[in-house]
Structures are given as structure tokens and as C-alpha cells.
Amino acid sequence: MTRMRTGFLLIALTLLALLSLACTEAPEAPEPLPTLAVKVASAETREHQPVARIAGVVQPDRRAQMGTRQAGTVESVLVEAGDLVEADQPILRVDARDLEAARTAARLQRQAARAAWEQAVQNEGRFRRLYEQELVARIRMEEAAVKSEQARGLLEQAEAELAAAEINLDYATLRAPFTGVVSEILAETGSFVAPGPPLVILEDRSRLEVDAGIDAASAMQIQVGQSLPMAFAGIEGTIDGRVQAVLPALEGTGVGLRLRLTIEDPPSALKPGMVAEVAVPATQPSRLRVSIPEAALVRRGQMEGVFVVEPDAEGQLRARLRWLVLAARPADARNWVEVERGLSGGERVVVGDPVDQLADNQPVTVDIPVQD
């Protein structure tokens, strides 16, 4: 009897469980992703020239260390470090009261010498007329001519002394030899300065140079006038530099070569002293590598990938997210990146704004393909 009751209890519990499952609502199916129109580009297999990265230092095209030829006390400093100054603009003045006094004396001396010369010229003319009228001897006319010539020599000497005094006075004011940026001021108002040591350093930053050490094998692959991309910390993208020359490294140990590049019209953020990473052709042979437009990249954290457009089993085009391993940017490319692993040549990838809107496996329709 007990066994029968136990059996009925088990049957009842089973029926209750089945009823409970029957009453439970089935979960709703997720809404299908909308179909999105996208533009695509084909991954290309391109010849890859390996690059080497060498470090260089940015330098100004021109750099003037300005000093004075006059000893004296600094009267005024008219600029500050970082100021942009025009050519011939006053930068610093040295106390020149003694030079001003010397110039005044030279002017008075010239004035006296000119008056004496003018008087001597008049005397020469008068004695010449008297000689022509046979009223004085020839020797008196010749003496007057000699005195006139001597007076002219004294006038020329006085004018030269005045010019020298004005030049010395002009050296008491430092003026910019070219338009540039004041890099450093090494003197203060009230300090005594002497001829020789620099007081102000002026740099022309309208064109910059980069000097980078390079090995002989890499230097042999570079031509004068060639354009090489350079990267700088804190500046987005790359900046092209034109190869000016390959020079011997005569400074320091004097071993190796220096690659000199010029940067025309550099951005304001680029300053002398910054470190440049120059991409130069490496000595390894070129090889084929898959390249894609940079506009196709999906960046999530430190991962980079693309949406590859391919049909599913029913023929519907879908954008499938695929993570990639990228290679270093090639030296001759701007808007393309090279793929080390994860993509084959000919595969189509989504480019443009839809890259940030797509979800993995989302259905898509292909708009006008992107051309190179």
C-alpha cells in the first residue's frame, strides 16, 4: 500500500513539473539587425619595401649668436625669449653715452674741417685769378693749391672718423640680422658685457633641418632630393623631409654618416630640439604584403580590425568583424596600412563612417566601391 502511495506521489510531481514548464513563456527572439548600405574597398597585394627607423634632431635653418663689439652696461633688453622679431628690429641696447659723445666731437671736427676746406678753396681761386692778372707770383698760387688739397684731406679724415663713430654707436644696439624667433637671452639689464660672448640667440624657423645618424649601407639607397616621412612625438601623422645631403659625422668620434633633411614650411608645433623618427629604406629586399585603406580600420582599445564583406549560406552579404595584425606603415604610403596577418588580397572591407556603426555579422548592401 505504501509503494502505491509513493508511486502516485511521483506521478503527481511529474505532472506538476510538466504543467509548470507548459505555463512558462518562451523567450523572445532578438530583433534582426537592420541592413546597412556600405562602401567597400578591395585589399590589395602590394610590393613592400622594408623601412628602418633612425633618430634625428630638429635644428633651425639659420642660428645667429649675437654679441656686441662694445664693452659696457646693458641699458635695455627689448625682447623676450620666444618672441618673433623682424629683420633689423632692435633687440638689445648697451649704454653708449661715451660713443654718443665721440660722435658729437667727430661731427664738430668735420664741421671745422669743412669750413677750413671751403676757405682754402676760396683762397686758391683768388690767388689763381691774381696770378692770371700777373699780380702775384706763381709760387703763391701753388701754395694756395697745396693748402686747399691739404684741407680736403683733413675733411676726408674727419668724415671717416665720424663714420667710424657712427658705426661704433650702431654696434651698441643689437639688431636682428633676419626674421626669426628669439631662442635665448643671455644678458640682463644692468649687467656688464664685453665684446665676444653671445648675448642673444636668434633662430630662423621658417625652414628646419633634421640631422640623423645613418649607416653607409642605408645611405647608399638614398638620393639627394628624395622625400622621407618623419614622425614626431606630440604631432599627429608624419611630416615629409627632403634629403639635402649625406655628410660625414665629423663631430664627436667622427665615425659614421649624417643624413640631413630639410622641412619646408614646418608646422608651428615643430620646434628645434625635438626628436624625429625618420623612415629610411632598409637594406632587406622588398616583398609582397596586403594593404588596405586606413579608413577601413576598426579600433577598439589596442585592437585593430576590419569588417570583411562576404555572403552567408543564403547569399546575404554580411559584415564580419575580423581582427588583424598590422605591419609598420610603409615609407611611401599616406592613407594605406599594411597587414601582417588576418587578411588576404582581394577581400572586400568596409570603409568610411559605417565602420563605427556596424555590428559583427550585420547584413549589408554594397554601395559604390571605393576606387584608388
Protein backbone atom coordinates (compact mmCIF):
# COMPACT_ATOMS: atom_id res chain seq x y z
CA MET A 1 0.00 0.00 0.00
CA THR A 2 2.87 2.32 0.84
CA ARG A 3 4.53 1.60 -2.51
CA MET A 4 1.31 2.57 -4.35
CA ARG A 5 1.12 5.89 -2.49
CA THR A 6 4.75 6.63 -3.32
CA GLY A 7 4.11 5.91 -7.00
CA PHE A 8 1.06 8.19 -7.10
CA LEU A 9 3.14 10.98 -5.44
CA LEU A 10 5.88 10.71 -8.05
CA ILE A 11 3.32 10.82 -10.87
CA ALA A 12 1.70 13.91 -9.35
CA LEU A 13 5.03 15.72 -9.01
CA THR A 14 5.91 14.91 -12.61
CA LEU A 15 2.57 16.26 -13.84
CA LEU A 16 3.06 19.45 -11.82
CA ALA A 17 6.53 19.95 -13.35
CA LEU A 18 5.18 19.44 -16.86
CA LEU A 19 2.35 21.92 -16.22
CA SER A 20 4.88 24.46 -14.86
CA LEU A 21 7.03 24.13 -17.98
CA ALA A 22 3.98 24.49 -20.20
CA CYS A 23 2.95 27.70 -18.43
CA THR A 24 6.45 29.28 -18.78
CA GLU A 25 6.60 31.79 -21.67
CA ALA A 26 9.14 31.09 -24.41
CA PRO A 27 11.92 33.80 -24.71
CA GLU A 28 11.51 36.36 -27.44
CA ALA A 29 13.84 36.05 -30.41
CA PRO A 30 16.31 39.01 -30.77
CA GLU A 31 15.37 41.61 -33.32
CA PRO A 32 17.30 41.17 -36.56
CA LEU A 33 19.97 43.76 -37.31
CA PRO A 34 18.97 46.30 -39.98
CA THR A 35 20.61 46.13 -43.38
CA LEU A 36 23.14 48.92 -43.82
CA ALA A 37 24.44 50.34 -47.11
CA VAL A 38 28.24 50.49 -47.07
CA LYS A 39 31.13 51.34 -49.31
CA VAL A 40 33.89 48.82 -49.73
CA ALA A 41 37.46 48.68 -50.96
CA SER A 42 39.47 45.67 -52.03
CA ALA A 43 42.54 44.64 -50.08
CA GLU A 44 45.49 44.95 -52.42
CA THR A 45 48.68 42.95 -52.60
CA ARG A 46 51.48 45.47 -52.96
CA GLU A 47 55.22 45.38 -53.06
CA HIS A 48 56.54 46.25 -49.63
CA GLN A 49 59.88 47.96 -49.13
CA PRO A 50 61.04 47.36 -45.54
CA VAL A 51 61.91 50.52 -43.68
CA ALA A 52 64.33 51.29 -40.90
CA ARG A 53 63.72 53.92 -38.26
CA ILE A 54 66.57 56.26 -37.37
CA ALA A 55 66.52 59.06 -34.82
CA GLY A 56 67.37 62.64 -35.68
CA VAL A 57 67.26 66.06 -34.04
CA VAL A 58 65.44 69.11 -35.38
CA GLN A 59 67.61 72.19 -35.92
CA PRO A 60 66.86 75.69 -37.25
CA ASP A 61 67.91 76.51 -40.78
CA ARG A 62 69.84 79.55 -39.51
CA ARG A 63 71.04 80.29 -35.99
CA ALA A 64 72.77 83.52 -35.02
CA GLN A 65 74.66 84.01 -31.74
CA MET A 66 74.60 87.77 -31.45
CA GLY A 67 77.17 89.73 -29.45
CA THR A 68 78.40 93.29 -29.21
CA ARG A 69 81.67 94.90 -30.24
CA GLN A 70 81.38 97.45 -27.46
CA ALA A 71 82.07 96.88 -23.79
CA GLY A 72 79.53 98.44 -21.49
CA THR A 73 76.44 98.03 -19.36
CA VAL A 74 73.25 96.60 -20.83
CA GLU A 75 70.84 99.51 -20.95
CA SER A 76 67.71 97.63 -22.06
CA VAL A 77 66.58 94.25 -23.38
CA LEU A 78 63.76 94.89 -25.84
CA VAL A 79 62.51 91.33 -26.43
CA GLU A 80 61.79 88.13 -24.55
CA ALA A 81 62.64 84.52 -25.31
CA GLY A 82 60.11 83.13 -27.77
CA ASP A 83 59.34 86.48 -29.43
CA LEU A 84 59.11 86.63 -33.21
CA VAL A 85 61.20 89.56 -34.49
CA GLU A 86 61.58 91.10 -37.91
CA ALA A 87 64.86 91.68 -39.71
CA ASP A 88 66.71 94.81 -38.43
CA GLN A 89 64.45 95.06 -35.36
CA PRO A 90 66.31 96.32 -32.22
CA ILE A 91 66.79 93.56 -29.66
CA LEU A 92 69.23 94.86 -27.02
CA ARG A 93 70.99 98.16 -26.27
CA VAL A 94 74.29 98.78 -24.48
CA ASP A 95 74.93 102.06 -22.66
CA ALA A 96 76.62 104.22 -25.30
CA ARG A 97 76.92 107.70 -23.80
CA ASP A 98 80.67 107.75 -24.39
CA LEU A 99 80.11 106.74 -28.02
CA GLU A 100 77.50 109.46 -28.44
CA ALA A 101 80.00 111.99 -27.09
CA ALA A 102 82.63 110.72 -29.53
CA ARG A 103 80.17 111.08 -32.39
CA THR A 104 79.36 114.65 -31.35
CA ALA A 105 83.07 115.51 -31.27
CA ALA A 106 83.55 113.91 -34.69
CA ARG A 107 80.70 115.95 -36.12
CA LEU A 108 82.21 119.19 -34.79
CA GLN A 109 85.60 118.21 -36.17
CA ARG A 110 84.08 117.54 -39.57
CA GLN A 111 82.27 120.85 -39.47
CA ALA A 112 85.53 122.67 -38.75
CA ALA A 113 87.39 120.73 -41.41
CA ARG A 114 84.70 121.54 -43.99
CA ALA A 115 84.87 125.25 -43.16
CA ALA A 116 88.68 125.18 -43.46
CA TRP A 117 88.48 123.38 -46.78
CA GLU A 118 85.90 125.80 -48.17
CA GLN A 119 88.13 128.73 -47.10
CA ALA A 120 91.18 127.09 -48.69
CA VAL A 121 89.24 126.58 -51.94
CA GLN A 122 88.29 130.25 -51.97
CA ASN A 123 91.91 131.30 -51.36
CA GLU A 124 93.10 129.05 -54.16
CA GLY A 125 90.61 130.61 -56.56
CA ARG A 126 91.56 134.16 -55.54
CA PHE A 127 95.31 133.54 -55.96
CA ARG A 128 94.66 131.87 -59.33
CA ARG A 129 92.84 134.98 -60.57
CA LEU A 130 95.58 137.26 -59.24
CA TYR A 131 98.21 135.11 -60.97
CA GLU A 132 96.32 135.30 -64.23
CA GLN A 133 96.36 139.12 -63.85
CA GLU A 134 100.13 138.92 -63.14
CA LEU A 135 99.60 140.47 -59.72
CA VAL A 136 101.17 137.62 -57.67
CA ALA A 137 103.95 135.17 -58.27
CA ARG A 138 103.22 131.63 -59.45
CA ILE A 139 104.59 130.23 -56.17
CA ARG A 140 101.80 131.94 -54.20
CA MET A 141 99.14 130.31 -56.41
CA GLU A 142 100.78 126.90 -55.99
CA GLU A 143 100.99 127.32 -52.20
CA ALA A 144 97.26 128.09 -52.12
CA ALA A 145 96.52 124.97 -54.20
CA VAL A 146 98.59 122.84 -51.81
CA LYS A 147 96.76 124.23 -48.78
CA SER A 148 93.42 123.53 -50.48
CA GLU A 149 94.46 119.93 -51.12
CA GLN A 150 95.61 119.55 -47.51
CA ALA A 151 92.30 120.94 -46.26
CA ARG A 152 90.42 118.47 -48.46
CA GLY A 153 92.46 115.60 -46.96
CA LEU A 154 91.67 116.79 -43.42
CA LEU A 155 87.96 116.96 -44.32
CA GLU A 156 88.03 113.40 -45.65
CA GLN A 157 89.77 112.26 -42.47
CA ALA A 158 87.14 113.98 -40.31
CA GLU A 159 84.35 112.36 -42.32
CA ALA A 160 85.95 108.92 -41.89
CA GLU A 161 86.28 109.46 -38.14
CA LEU A 162 82.62 110.48 -37.96
CA ALA A 163 81.59 107.38 -39.93
CA ALA A 164 83.63 105.19 -37.55
CA ALA A 165 81.99 106.85 -34.54
CA GLU A 166 78.53 106.24 -36.01
CA ILE A 167 79.37 102.60 -36.76
CA ASN A 168 80.61 102.07 -33.20
CA LEU A 169 77.44 103.67 -31.89
CA ASP A 170 75.34 101.44 -34.14
CA TYR A 171 77.07 98.35 -32.67
CA ALA A 172 75.76 99.37 -29.25
CA THR A 173 72.30 98.31 -30.46
CA LEU A 174 71.85 94.66 -31.39
CA ARG A 175 69.52 94.25 -34.36
CA ALA A 176 68.03 91.07 -35.80
CA PRO A 177 70.01 90.00 -38.89
CA PHE A 178 66.97 88.13 -40.21
CA THR A 179 63.35 87.43 -39.32
CA GLY A 180 63.27 84.74 -36.66
CA VAL A 181 62.45 83.65 -33.13
CA VAL A 182 64.43 84.70 -30.07
CA SER A 183 65.65 81.38 -28.70
CA GLU A 184 67.59 82.57 -25.67
CA ILE A 185 68.65 85.80 -23.93
CA LEU A 186 71.98 85.55 -22.12
CA ALA A 187 72.20 89.08 -20.71
CA GLU A 188 70.14 91.11 -18.28
CA THR A 189 69.56 94.81 -17.89
CA GLY A 190 72.35 96.33 -15.79
CA SER A 191 74.90 93.58 -16.42
CA PHE A 192 78.31 94.42 -17.87
CA VAL A 193 79.08 92.87 -21.24
CA ALA A 194 82.27 92.64 -23.24
CA PRO A 195 82.96 92.02 -26.93
CA GLY A 196 82.82 88.39 -27.98
CA PRO A 197 80.40 86.32 -25.87
CA PRO A 198 76.87 85.90 -27.30
CA LEU A 199 74.12 87.92 -25.67
CA VAL A 200 71.09 86.81 -27.72
CA ILE A 201 70.47 83.69 -29.81
CA LEU A 202 68.16 84.10 -32.80
CA GLU A 203 66.78 81.22 -34.88
CA ASP A 204 65.17 81.19 -38.31
CA ARG A 205 62.41 78.58 -38.03
CA SER A 206 60.74 79.24 -41.37
CA ARG A 207 62.69 76.21 -42.60
CA LEU A 208 64.01 73.46 -40.33
CA GLU A 209 66.67 70.80 -40.69
CA VAL A 210 66.94 67.29 -39.28
CA ASP A 211 70.30 65.60 -38.75
CA ALA A 212 70.20 61.84 -38.19
CA GLY A 213 72.96 59.25 -37.95
CA ILE A 214 72.82 56.63 -40.69
CA ASP A 215 74.88 53.61 -41.70
CA ALA A 216 76.70 53.50 -45.03
CA ALA A 217 74.56 50.68 -46.49
CA SER A 218 71.31 52.57 -45.91
CA ALA A 219 72.84 55.84 -47.11
CA MET A 220 73.69 54.25 -50.46
CA GLN A 221 69.96 53.70 -51.11
CA ILE A 222 69.06 57.36 -50.58
CA GLN A 223 69.20 60.05 -53.27
CA VAL A 224 69.57 63.79 -52.77
CA GLY A 225 66.15 65.41 -53.20
CA GLN A 226 64.30 62.26 -52.10
CA SER A 227 61.36 62.75 -49.73
CA LEU A 228 61.28 60.72 -46.50
CA PRO A 229 58.46 60.66 -43.89
CA MET A 230 59.25 61.61 -40.31
CA ALA A 231 57.26 61.14 -37.11
CA PHE A 232 57.44 63.40 -34.05
CA ALA A 233 56.15 62.87 -30.54
CA GLY A 234 53.07 65.01 -29.94
CA ILE A 235 52.44 65.69 -33.65
CA GLU A 236 49.79 63.63 -35.42
CA GLY A 237 50.72 62.00 -38.70
CA THR A 238 54.03 62.31 -40.49
CA ILE A 239 55.94 65.23 -41.99
CA ASP A 240 57.98 64.91 -45.16
CA GLY A 241 61.62 65.93 -45.21
CA ARG A 242 63.68 66.42 -48.37
CA VAL A 243 67.14 64.85 -48.38
CA GLN A 244 69.66 67.66 -48.62
CA ALA A 245 72.91 65.73 -48.22
CA VAL A 246 74.69 62.79 -46.62
CA LEU A 247 77.57 64.24 -44.62
CA PRO A 248 80.46 62.75 -42.68
CA ALA A 249 79.97 62.76 -38.92
CA LEU A 250 82.92 64.99 -38.06
CA GLU A 251 81.73 65.86 -34.57
CA GLY A 252 82.36 63.72 -31.51
CA THR A 253 84.00 60.44 -32.51
CA GLY A 254 83.94 61.41 -36.19
CA VAL A 255 82.68 57.94 -37.17
CA GLY A 256 79.71 57.25 -39.46
CA LEU A 257 77.48 59.44 -41.61
CA ARG A 258 74.83 62.07 -41.03
CA LEU A 259 71.66 62.30 -43.08
CA ARG A 260 70.49 65.91 -43.38
CA LEU A 261 66.90 66.66 -44.37
CA THR A 262 65.11 69.97 -44.78
CA ILE A 263 61.50 70.69 -43.84
CA GLU A 264 59.89 73.46 -45.87
CA ASP A 265 57.11 75.45 -44.19
CA PRO A 266 57.08 73.39 -40.95
CA PRO A 267 54.04 73.43 -38.63
CA SER A 268 54.19 75.73 -35.62
CA ALA A 269 54.19 72.75 -33.25
CA LEU A 270 57.54 71.57 -34.63
CA LYS A 271 60.41 73.12 -32.63
CA PRO A 272 64.20 72.85 -32.71
CA GLY A 273 65.47 70.21 -30.32
CA MET A 274 62.59 67.79 -30.94
CA VAL A 275 63.47 64.20 -31.84
CA ALA A 276 62.48 62.94 -35.29
CA GLU A 277 61.92 59.31 -36.25
CA VAL A 278 62.95 59.12 -39.89
CA ALA A 279 61.74 56.21 -42.06
CA VAL A 280 64.50 55.22 -44.48
CA PRO A 281 64.56 52.28 -46.90
CA ALA A 282 66.05 49.24 -45.20
CA THR A 283 68.66 47.02 -46.78
CA GLN A 284 66.36 43.94 -46.86
CA PRO A 285 64.80 43.01 -50.22
CA SER A 286 61.22 44.04 -50.96
CA ARG A 287 58.32 41.56 -50.64
CA LEU A 288 54.58 41.41 -51.24
CA ARG A 289 52.17 42.40 -48.49
CA VAL A 290 48.41 43.02 -48.25
CA SER A 291 47.44 46.70 -47.92
CA ILE A 292 44.10 48.32 -47.04
CA PRO A 293 42.89 51.92 -46.72
CA GLU A 294 43.36 53.34 -43.26
CA ALA A 295 39.69 54.40 -43.36
CA ALA A 296 38.74 50.70 -43.07
CA LEU A 297 40.29 50.20 -39.63
CA VAL A 298 38.17 49.45 -36.58
CA ARG A 299 39.98 50.44 -33.37
CA ARG A 300 38.78 49.14 -30.04
CA GLY A 301 41.29 49.65 -27.29
CA GLN A 302 44.61 48.32 -28.51
CA MET A 303 42.99 46.01 -31.06
CA GLU A 304 42.65 46.84 -34.76
CA GLY A 305 40.48 45.08 -37.29
CA VAL A 306 38.18 45.44 -40.30
CA PHE A 307 34.68 44.47 -41.38
CA VAL A 308 35.03 41.99 -44.22
CA VAL A 309 32.02 41.80 -46.57
CA GLU A 310 31.19 38.22 -47.59
CA PRO A 311 27.97 36.25 -48.32
CA ASP A 312 26.41 33.86 -45.83
CA ALA A 313 24.93 30.42 -46.68
CA GLU A 314 21.77 32.06 -48.07
CA GLY A 315 23.69 34.54 -50.24
CA GLN A 316 23.05 37.56 -47.98
CA LEU A 317 26.05 39.91 -47.72
CA ARG A 318 27.22 40.35 -44.16
CA ALA A 319 29.93 42.44 -42.50
CA ARG A 320 32.05 40.14 -40.36
CA LEU A 321 34.46 41.68 -37.86
CA ARG A 322 37.98 40.33 -38.22
CA TRP A 323 40.92 41.32 -36.04
CA LEU A 324 44.25 41.93 -37.76
CA VAL A 325 47.94 42.16 -37.05
CA LEU A 326 49.24 45.30 -38.77
CA ALA A 327 52.75 45.95 -40.02
CA ALA A 328 54.68 49.22 -39.86
CA ARG A 329 53.42 51.96 -42.13
CA PRO A 330 55.29 51.85 -45.46
CA ALA A 331 57.63 54.73 -46.24
CA ASP A 332 55.76 55.68 -49.44
CA ALA A 333 52.15 55.47 -48.23
CA ARG A 334 49.93 58.02 -46.57
CA ASN A 335 46.41 56.62 -46.29
CA TRP A 336 47.13 52.90 -46.57
CA VAL A 337 48.27 50.43 -43.91
CA GLU A 338 49.90 47.07 -44.34
CA VAL A 339 48.52 43.85 -42.86
CA GLU A 340 50.87 41.29 -41.37
CA ARG A 341 48.20 38.63 -40.69
CA GLY A 342 44.42 38.20 -40.89
CA LEU A 343 43.51 39.30 -44.42
CA SER A 344 44.09 38.16 -47.98
CA GLY A 345 44.43 40.17 -51.16
CA GLY A 346 41.13 40.73 -52.99
CA GLU A 347 38.89 40.56 -49.91
CA ARG A 348 36.46 43.46 -49.62
CA VAL A 349 36.47 45.62 -46.50
CA VAL A 350 34.06 48.33 -45.37
CA VAL A 351 35.46 51.88 -45.41
CA GLY A 352 34.26 55.25 -44.14
CA ASP A 353 31.77 56.26 -41.47
CA PRO A 354 29.77 52.96 -41.42
CA VAL A 355 32.82 51.29 -39.84
CA ASP A 356 31.84 52.87 -36.48
CA GLN A 357 28.16 51.88 -36.87
CA LEU A 358 28.38 48.22 -37.85
CA ALA A 359 28.00 45.19 -35.62
CA ASP A 360 29.55 41.82 -36.30
CA ASN A 361 27.57 39.73 -38.81
CA GLN A 362 25.26 42.63 -39.70
CA PRO A 363 23.61 42.36 -43.15
CA VAL A 364 24.80 44.97 -45.64
CA THR A 365 24.34 46.12 -49.20
CA VAL A 366 27.33 47.33 -51.14
CA ASP A 367 27.25 50.91 -52.32
CA ILE A 368 29.63 52.33 -54.92
CA PRO A 369 33.02 50.64 -54.44
CA VAL A 370 35.87 52.90 -53.42
CA GLN A 371 38.47 53.49 -56.12
CA ASP A 372 42.16 54.18 -55.52
